PDB file of all heavy atoms in Angstrom:
ATOM      1  N   ALA A   1      16.479  50.631  10.560  1.00  0.00           N
ATOM      2  CA  ALA A   1      15.452  49.618  10.814  1.00  0.00           C
ATOM      3  C   ALA A   1      15.346  48.631   9.661  1.00  0.00           C
ATOM      4  O   ALA A   1      14.845  47.531   9.830  1.00  0.00           O
ATOM      5  CB  ALA A   1      14.104  50.286  11.040  1.00  0.00           C
ATOM      6  N   ILE A   2      15.826  49.030   8.489  1.00  0.00           N
ATOM      7  CA  ILE A   2      15.763  48.184   7.302  1.00  0.00           C
ATOM      8  C   ILE A   2      17.134  48.131   6.645  1.00  0.00           C
ATOM      9  O   ILE A   2      17.778  49.171   6.469  1.00  0.00           O
ATOM     10  CB  ILE A   2      14.724  48.716   6.293  1.00  0.00           C
ATOM     11  CG1 ILE A   2      13.333  48.742   6.930  1.00  0.00           C
ATOM     12  CG2 ILE A   2      14.722  47.880   5.015  1.00  0.00           C
ATOM     13  CD1 ILE A   2      12.277  49.413   6.081  1.00  0.00           C
ATOM     14  N   GLU A   3      17.553  46.902   6.321  1.00  0.00           N
ATOM     15  CA  GLU A   3      18.799  46.698   5.585  1.00  0.00           C
ATOM     16  C   GLU A   3      18.552  45.676   4.500  1.00  0.00           C
ATOM     17  O   GLU A   3      17.660  44.834   4.623  1.00  0.00           O
ATOM     18  CB  GLU A   3      19.909  46.200   6.503  1.00  0.00           C
ATOM     19  CG  GLU A   3      20.366  47.231   7.514  1.00  0.00           C
ATOM     20  CD  GLU A   3      21.679  46.851   8.179  1.00  0.00           C
ATOM     21  OE1 GLU A   3      22.503  46.183   7.537  1.00  0.00           O
ATOM     22  OE2 GLU A   3      21.844  47.220   9.335  1.00  0.00           O
ATOM     23  N   THR A   4      19.351  45.756   3.448  1.00  0.00           N
ATOM     24  CA  THR A   4      19.280  44.743   2.402  1.00  0.00           C
ATOM     25  C   THR A   4      20.655  44.127   2.218  1.00  0.00           C
ATOM     26  O   THR A   4      21.678  44.762   2.496  1.00  0.00           O
ATOM     27  CB  THR A   4      18.790  45.319   1.059  1.00  0.00           C
ATOM     28  OG1 THR A   4      19.712  46.315   0.631  1.00  0.00           O
ATOM     29  CG2 THR A   4      17.398  45.910   1.181  1.00  0.00           C
ATOM     30  N   ALA A   5      20.648  42.884   1.764  1.00  0.00           N
ATOM     31  CA  ALA A   5      21.898  42.162   1.519  1.00  0.00           C
ATOM     32  C   ALA A   5      21.632  41.100   0.470  1.00  0.00           C
ATOM     33  O   ALA A   5      20.483  40.682   0.267  1.00  0.00           O
ATOM     34  CB  ALA A   5      22.395  41.518   2.807  1.00  0.00           C
ATOM     35  N   PRO A   6      22.693  40.653  -0.197  1.00  0.00           N
ATOM     36  CA  PRO A   6      22.505  39.550  -1.143  1.00  0.00           C
ATOM     37  C   PRO A   6      21.991  38.300  -0.421  1.00  0.00           C
ATOM     38  O   PRO A   6      22.430  37.997   0.695  1.00  0.00           O
ATOM     39  CB  PRO A   6      23.908  39.318  -1.702  1.00  0.00           C
ATOM     40  CG  PRO A   6      24.624  40.617  -1.494  1.00  0.00           C
ATOM     41  CD  PRO A   6      24.062  41.174  -0.208  1.00  0.00           C
ATOM     42  N   LEU A   7      21.067  37.607  -1.050  1.00  0.00           N
ATOM     43  CA  LEU A   7      20.519  36.375  -0.497  1.00  0.00           C
ATOM     44  C   LEU A   7      21.633  35.399  -0.135  1.00  0.00           C
ATOM     45  O   LEU A   7      21.611  34.800   0.941  1.00  0.00           O
ATOM     46  CB  LEU A   7      19.556  35.736  -1.505  1.00  0.00           C
ATOM     47  CG  LEU A   7      19.005  34.358  -1.177  1.00  0.00           C
ATOM     48  CD1 LEU A   7      18.205  34.391   0.118  1.00  0.00           C
ATOM     49  CD2 LEU A   7      18.160  33.834  -2.322  1.00  0.00           C
ATOM     50  N   SER A   8      22.623  35.269  -0.998  1.00  0.00           N
ATOM     51  CA  SER A   8      23.724  34.331  -0.734  1.00  0.00           C
ATOM     52  C   SER A   8      24.493  34.707   0.525  1.00  0.00           C
ATOM     53  O   SER A   8      24.933  33.822   1.271  1.00  0.00           O
ATOM     54  CB  SER A   8      24.662  34.252  -1.932  1.00  0.00           C
ATOM     55  OG  SER A   8      25.219  35.525  -2.210  1.00  0.00           O
ATOM     56  N   ASP A   9      24.661  35.990   0.803  1.00  0.00           N
ATOM     57  CA  ASP A   9      25.356  36.418   2.015  1.00  0.00           C
ATOM     58  C   ASP A   9      24.559  36.061   3.268  1.00  0.00           C
ATOM     59  O   ASP A   9      25.115  35.580   4.252  1.00  0.00           O
ATOM     60  CB  ASP A   9      25.617  37.929   2.002  1.00  0.00           C
ATOM     61  CG  ASP A   9      26.699  38.350   1.026  1.00  0.00           C
ATOM     62  OD1 ASP A   9      27.294  37.476   0.360  1.00  0.00           O
ATOM     63  OD2 ASP A   9      26.938  39.569   0.922  1.00  0.00           O
ATOM     64  N   VAL A  10      23.253  36.315   3.225  1.00  0.00           N
ATOM     65  CA  VAL A  10      22.405  36.018   4.386  1.00  0.00           C
ATOM     66  C   VAL A  10      22.357  34.514   4.626  1.00  0.00           C
ATOM     67  O   VAL A  10      22.522  34.048   5.757  1.00  0.00           O
ATOM     68  CB  VAL A  10      20.992  36.613   4.208  1.00  0.00           C
ATOM     69  CG1 VAL A  10      20.072  36.199   5.344  1.00  0.00           C
ATOM     70  CG2 VAL A  10      21.069  38.139   4.124  1.00  0.00           C
ATOM     71  N   GLU A  11      22.155  33.750   3.565  1.00  0.00           N
ATOM     72  CA  GLU A  11      22.159  32.293   3.709  1.00  0.00           C
ATOM     73  C   GLU A  11      23.497  31.805   4.239  1.00  0.00           C
ATOM     74  O   GLU A  11      23.545  30.905   5.085  1.00  0.00           O
ATOM     75  CB  GLU A  11      21.835  31.619   2.378  1.00  0.00           C
ATOM     76  CG  GLU A  11      20.393  31.771   1.961  1.00  0.00           C
ATOM     77  CD  GLU A  11      20.100  31.133   0.619  1.00  0.00           C
ATOM     78  OE1 GLU A  11      20.962  31.177  -0.275  1.00  0.00           O
ATOM     79  OE2 GLU A  11      18.998  30.601   0.481  1.00  0.00           O
ATOM     80  N   GLY A  12      24.577  32.394   3.776  1.00  0.00           N
ATOM     81  CA  GLY A  12      25.908  32.020   4.247  1.00  0.00           C
ATOM     82  C   GLY A  12      26.108  32.323   5.724  1.00  0.00           C
ATOM     83  O   GLY A  12      26.685  31.516   6.457  1.00  0.00           O
ATOM     84  N   MET A  13      25.620  33.472   6.179  1.00  0.00           N
ATOM     85  CA  MET A  13      25.734  33.813   7.599  1.00  0.00           C
ATOM     86  C   MET A  13      24.931  32.857   8.470  1.00  0.00           C
ATOM     87  O   MET A  13      25.407  32.411   9.518  1.00  0.00           O
ATOM     88  CB  MET A  13      25.271  35.255   7.836  1.00  0.00           C
ATOM     89  CG  MET A  13      26.271  36.288   7.392  1.00  0.00           C
ATOM     90  SD  MET A  13      25.778  37.958   7.866  1.00  0.00           S
ATOM     91  CE  MET A  13      24.848  38.439   6.421  1.00  0.00           C
ATOM     92  N   LEU A  14      23.716  32.529   8.033  1.00  0.00           N
ATOM     93  CA  LEU A  14      22.882  31.612   8.813  1.00  0.00           C
ATOM     94  C   LEU A  14      23.467  30.203   8.807  1.00  0.00           C
ATOM     95  O   LEU A  14      23.464  29.518   9.839  1.00  0.00           O
ATOM     96  CB  LEU A  14      21.455  31.617   8.283  1.00  0.00           C
ATOM     97  CG  LEU A  14      20.705  32.945   8.431  1.00  0.00           C
ATOM     98  CD1 LEU A  14      19.342  32.867   7.740  1.00  0.00           C
ATOM     99  CD2 LEU A  14      20.560  33.350   9.889  1.00  0.00           C
ATOM    100  N   ALA A  15      24.006  29.769   7.667  1.00  0.00           N
ATOM    101  CA  ALA A  15      24.659  28.458   7.596  1.00  0.00           C
ATOM    102  C   ALA A  15      25.906  28.443   8.484  1.00  0.00           C
ATOM    103  O   ALA A  15      26.184  27.448   9.164  1.00  0.00           O
ATOM    104  CB  ALA A  15      25.028  28.122   6.152  1.00  0.00           C
ATOM    105  N   GLY A  16      26.647  29.537   8.495  1.00  0.00           N
ATOM    106  CA  GLY A  16      27.830  29.640   9.351  1.00  0.00           C
ATOM    107  C   GLY A  16      27.472  29.574  10.827  1.00  0.00           C
ATOM    108  O   GLY A  16      28.161  28.914  11.613  1.00  0.00           O
ATOM    109  N   LEU A  17      26.387  30.237  11.200  1.00  0.00           N
ATOM    110  CA  LEU A  17      25.931  30.177  12.589  1.00  0.00           C
ATOM    111  C   LEU A  17      25.566  28.749  12.961  1.00  0.00           C
ATOM    112  O   LEU A  17      25.959  28.247  14.019  1.00  0.00           O
ATOM    113  CB  LEU A  17      24.740  31.106  12.801  1.00  0.00           C
ATOM    114  CG  LEU A  17      24.067  31.047  14.169  1.00  0.00           C
ATOM    115  CD1 LEU A  17      25.047  31.416  15.281  1.00  0.00           C
ATOM    116  CD2 LEU A  17      22.841  31.946  14.197  1.00  0.00           C
ATOM    117  N   ALA A  18      24.826  28.071  12.082  1.00  0.00           N
ATOM    118  CA  ALA A  18      24.439  26.683  12.341  1.00  0.00           C
ATOM    119  C   ALA A  18      25.677  25.799  12.470  1.00  0.00           C
ATOM    120  O   ALA A  18      25.785  24.989  13.397  1.00  0.00           O
ATOM    121  CB  ALA A  18      23.526  26.174  11.227  1.00  0.00           C
ATOM    122  N   HIS A  19      26.617  25.969  11.577  1.00  0.00           N
ATOM    123  CA  HIS A  19      27.843  25.163  11.594  1.00  0.00           C
ATOM    124  C   HIS A  19      28.643  25.399  12.870  1.00  0.00           C
ATOM    125  O   HIS A  19      29.086  24.447  13.530  1.00  0.00           O
ATOM    126  CB  HIS A  19      28.693  25.489  10.363  1.00  0.00           C
ATOM    127  CG  HIS A  19      30.021  24.822  10.361  1.00  0.00           C
ATOM    128  ND1 HIS A  19      30.189  23.488  10.070  1.00  0.00           N
ATOM    129  CD2 HIS A  19      31.246  25.304  10.647  1.00  0.00           C
ATOM    130  CE1 HIS A  19      31.467  23.179  10.166  1.00  0.00           C
ATOM    131  NE2 HIS A  19      32.131  24.267  10.511  1.00  0.00           N
ATOM    132  N   ASP A  20      28.830  26.655  13.220  1.00  0.00           N
ATOM    133  CA  ASP A  20      29.606  26.976  14.427  1.00  0.00           C
ATOM    134  C   ASP A  20      28.916  26.460  15.687  1.00  0.00           C
ATOM    135  O   ASP A  20      29.573  25.965  16.603  1.00  0.00           O
ATOM    136  CB  ASP A  20      29.836  28.486  14.537  1.00  0.00           C
ATOM    137  CG  ASP A  20      30.785  29.012  13.470  1.00  0.00           C
ATOM    138  OD1 ASP A  20      31.448  28.201  12.784  1.00  0.00           O
ATOM    139  OD2 ASP A  20      30.850  30.244  13.311  1.00  0.00           O
ATOM    140  N   PHE A  21      27.590  26.565  15.720  1.00  0.00           N
ATOM    141  CA  PHE A  21      26.854  26.056  16.872  1.00  0.00           C
ATOM    142  C   PHE A  21      27.011  24.545  16.961  1.00  0.00           C
ATOM    143  O   PHE A  21      27.234  23.987  18.030  1.00  0.00           O
ATOM    144  CB  PHE A  21      25.376  26.443  16.789  1.00  0.00           C
ATOM    145  CG  PHE A  21      24.604  26.050  18.007  1.00  0.00           C
ATOM    146  CD1 PHE A  21      24.657  26.828  19.149  1.00  0.00           C
ATOM    147  CD2 PHE A  21      23.847  24.895  18.031  1.00  0.00           C
ATOM    148  CE1 PHE A  21      23.965  26.465  20.299  1.00  0.00           C
ATOM    149  CE2 PHE A  21      23.143  24.517  19.164  1.00  0.00           C
ATOM    150  CZ  PHE A  21      23.209  25.311  20.302  1.00  0.00           C
ATOM    151  N   ARG A  22      26.922  23.869  15.826  1.00  0.00           N
ATOM    152  CA  ARG A  22      27.078  22.409  15.801  1.00  0.00           C
ATOM    153  C   ARG A  22      28.472  22.014  16.284  1.00  0.00           C
ATOM    154  O   ARG A  22      28.628  21.054  17.041  1.00  0.00           O
ATOM    155  CB  ARG A  22      26.819  21.887  14.391  1.00  0.00           C
ATOM    156  CG  ARG A  22      27.265  20.454  14.128  1.00  0.00           C
ATOM    157  CD  ARG A  22      26.480  19.449  14.990  1.00  0.00           C
ATOM    158  NE  ARG A  22      27.111  18.152  15.009  1.00  0.00           N
ATOM    159  CZ  ARG A  22      26.870  17.173  14.162  1.00  0.00           C
ATOM    160  NH1 ARG A  22      26.000  17.342  13.197  1.00  0.00           N
ATOM    161  NH2 ARG A  22      27.492  16.032  14.282  1.00  0.00           N
ATOM    162  N   ARG A  23      29.502  22.715  15.854  1.00  0.00           N
ATOM    163  CA  ARG A  23      30.873  22.414  16.303  1.00  0.00           C
ATOM    164  C   ARG A  23      30.995  22.559  17.809  1.00  0.00           C
ATOM    165  O   ARG A  23      31.603  21.727  18.485  1.00  0.00           O
ATOM    166  CB  ARG A  23      31.875  23.307  15.589  1.00  0.00           C
ATOM    167  CG  ARG A  23      32.062  22.914  14.128  1.00  0.00           C
ATOM    168  CD  ARG A  23      33.160  23.672  13.472  1.00  0.00           C
ATOM    169  NE  ARG A  23      34.409  23.407  14.176  1.00  0.00           N
ATOM    170  CZ  ARG A  23      35.471  24.173  14.095  1.00  0.00           C
ATOM    171  NH1 ARG A  23      35.468  25.242  13.339  1.00  0.00           N
ATOM    172  NH2 ARG A  23      36.575  23.873  14.749  1.00  0.00           N
ATOM    173  N   ALA A  24      30.415  23.610  18.359  1.00  0.00           N
ATOM    174  CA  ALA A  24      30.459  23.811  19.811  1.00  0.00           C
ATOM    175  C   ALA A  24      29.674  22.699  20.518  1.00  0.00           C
ATOM    176  O   ALA A  24      30.110  22.189  21.557  1.00  0.00           O
ATOM    177  CB  ALA A  24      29.891  25.175  20.178  1.00  0.00           C
ATOM    178  N   LEU A  25      28.550  22.338  19.945  1.00  0.00           N
ATOM    179  CA  LEU A  25      27.732  21.278  20.524  1.00  0.00           C
ATOM    180  C   LEU A  25      28.451  19.932  20.462  1.00  0.00           C
ATOM    181  O   LEU A  25      28.361  19.134  21.402  1.00  0.00           O
ATOM    182  CB  LEU A  25      26.397  21.215  19.787  1.00  0.00           C
ATOM    183  CG  LEU A  25      25.242  20.513  20.466  1.00  0.00           C
ATOM    184  CD1 LEU A  25      24.979  21.096  21.852  1.00  0.00           C
ATOM    185  CD2 LEU A  25      23.992  20.626  19.608  1.00  0.00           C
ATOM    186  N   ASP A  26      29.181  19.688  19.386  1.00  0.00           N
ATOM    187  CA  ASP A  26      29.988  18.459  19.280  1.00  0.00           C
ATOM    188  C   ASP A  26      30.952  18.338  20.445  1.00  0.00           C
ATOM    189  O   ASP A  26      31.159  17.252  20.984  1.00  0.00           O
ATOM    190  CB  ASP A  26      30.794  18.441  17.983  1.00  0.00           C
ATOM    191  CG  ASP A  26      29.997  17.965  16.789  1.00  0.00           C
ATOM    192  OD1 ASP A  26      28.993  17.255  16.973  1.00  0.00           O
ATOM    193  OD2 ASP A  26      30.398  18.306  15.658  1.00  0.00           O
ATOM    194  N   ARG A  27      31.552  19.433  20.822  1.00  0.00           N
ATOM    195  CA  ARG A  27      32.533  19.431  21.916  1.00  0.00           C
ATOM    196  C   ARG A  27      31.861  19.327  23.286  1.00  0.00           C
ATOM    197  O   ARG A  27      32.354  18.643  24.179  1.00  0.00           O
ATOM    198  CB  ARG A  27      33.376  20.698  21.860  1.00  0.00           C
ATOM    199  CG  ARG A  27      34.293  20.740  20.679  1.00  0.00           C
ATOM    200  CD  ARG A  27      35.155  21.993  20.688  1.00  0.00           C
ATOM    201  NE  ARG A  27      35.927  22.044  19.463  1.00  0.00           N
ATOM    202  CZ  ARG A  27      36.021  23.093  18.682  1.00  0.00           C
ATOM    203  NH1 ARG A  27      35.401  24.210  19.010  1.00  0.00           N
ATOM    204  NH2 ARG A  27      36.738  23.053  17.586  1.00  0.00           N
ATOM    205  N   ALA A  28      30.751  20.046  23.443  1.00  0.00           N
ATOM    206  CA  ALA A  28      30.120  20.126  24.762  1.00  0.00           C
ATOM    207  C   ALA A  28      29.186  18.956  25.050  1.00  0.00           C
ATOM    208  O   ALA A  28      29.099  18.501  26.189  1.00  0.00           O
ATOM    209  CB  ALA A  28      29.344  21.438  24.894  1.00  0.00           C
ATOM    210  N   CYS A  29      28.479  18.483  24.034  1.00  0.00           N
ATOM    211  CA  CYS A  29      27.465  17.450  24.265  1.00  0.00           C
ATOM    212  C   CYS A  29      27.229  16.663  22.975  1.00  0.00           C
ATOM    213  O   CYS A  29      26.219  16.875  22.296  1.00  0.00           O
ATOM    214  CB  CYS A  29      26.183  18.109  24.751  1.00  0.00           C
ATOM    215  SG  CYS A  29      25.084  16.964  25.566  1.00  0.00           S
ATOM    216  N   PRO A  30      28.134  15.756  22.633  1.00  0.00           N
ATOM    217  CA  PRO A  30      28.037  15.046  21.360  1.00  0.00           C
ATOM    218  C   PRO A  30      26.752  14.238  21.175  1.00  0.00           C
ATOM    219  O   PRO A  30      26.289  14.083  20.045  1.00  0.00           O
ATOM    220  CB  PRO A  30      29.254  14.123  21.351  1.00  0.00           C
ATOM    221  CG  PRO A  30      30.014  14.374  22.586  1.00  0.00           C
ATOM    222  CD  PRO A  30      29.308  15.397  23.397  1.00  0.00           C
ATOM    223  N   ASP A  31      26.167  13.740  22.260  1.00  0.00           N
ATOM    224  CA  ASP A  31      24.930  12.969  22.103  1.00  0.00           C
ATOM    225  C   ASP A  31      23.782  13.848  21.610  1.00  0.00           C
ATOM    226  O   ASP A  31      22.946  13.410  20.814  1.00  0.00           O
ATOM    227  CB  ASP A  31      24.550  12.252  23.396  1.00  0.00           C
ATOM    228  CG  ASP A  31      24.417  13.184  24.585  1.00  0.00           C
ATOM    229  OD1 ASP A  31      25.218  14.129  24.691  1.00  0.00           O
ATOM    230  OD2 ASP A  31      23.516  12.961  25.415  1.00  0.00           O
ATOM    231  N   ILE A  32      23.744  15.103  22.021  1.00  0.00           N
ATOM    232  CA  ILE A  32      22.713  16.024  21.527  1.00  0.00           C
ATOM    233  C   ILE A  32      23.060  16.478  20.107  1.00  0.00           C
ATOM    234  O   ILE A  32      22.175  16.614  19.262  1.00  0.00           O
ATOM    235  CB  ILE A  32      22.533  17.224  22.472  1.00  0.00           C
ATOM    236  CG1 ILE A  32      21.922  16.733  23.781  1.00  0.00           C
ATOM    237  CG2 ILE A  32      21.661  18.305  21.825  1.00  0.00           C
ATOM    238  CD1 ILE A  32      21.767  17.781  24.842  1.00  0.00           C
TER     239      ILE A  32
END
């Protein structure tokens, strides 16, 4: 129920998710 991780790793994962989502959105709906 509880895990710990380096702040930089968590921030990196969330930034990666945002980046990957943006790339997919660029392809599917560039105006959005």
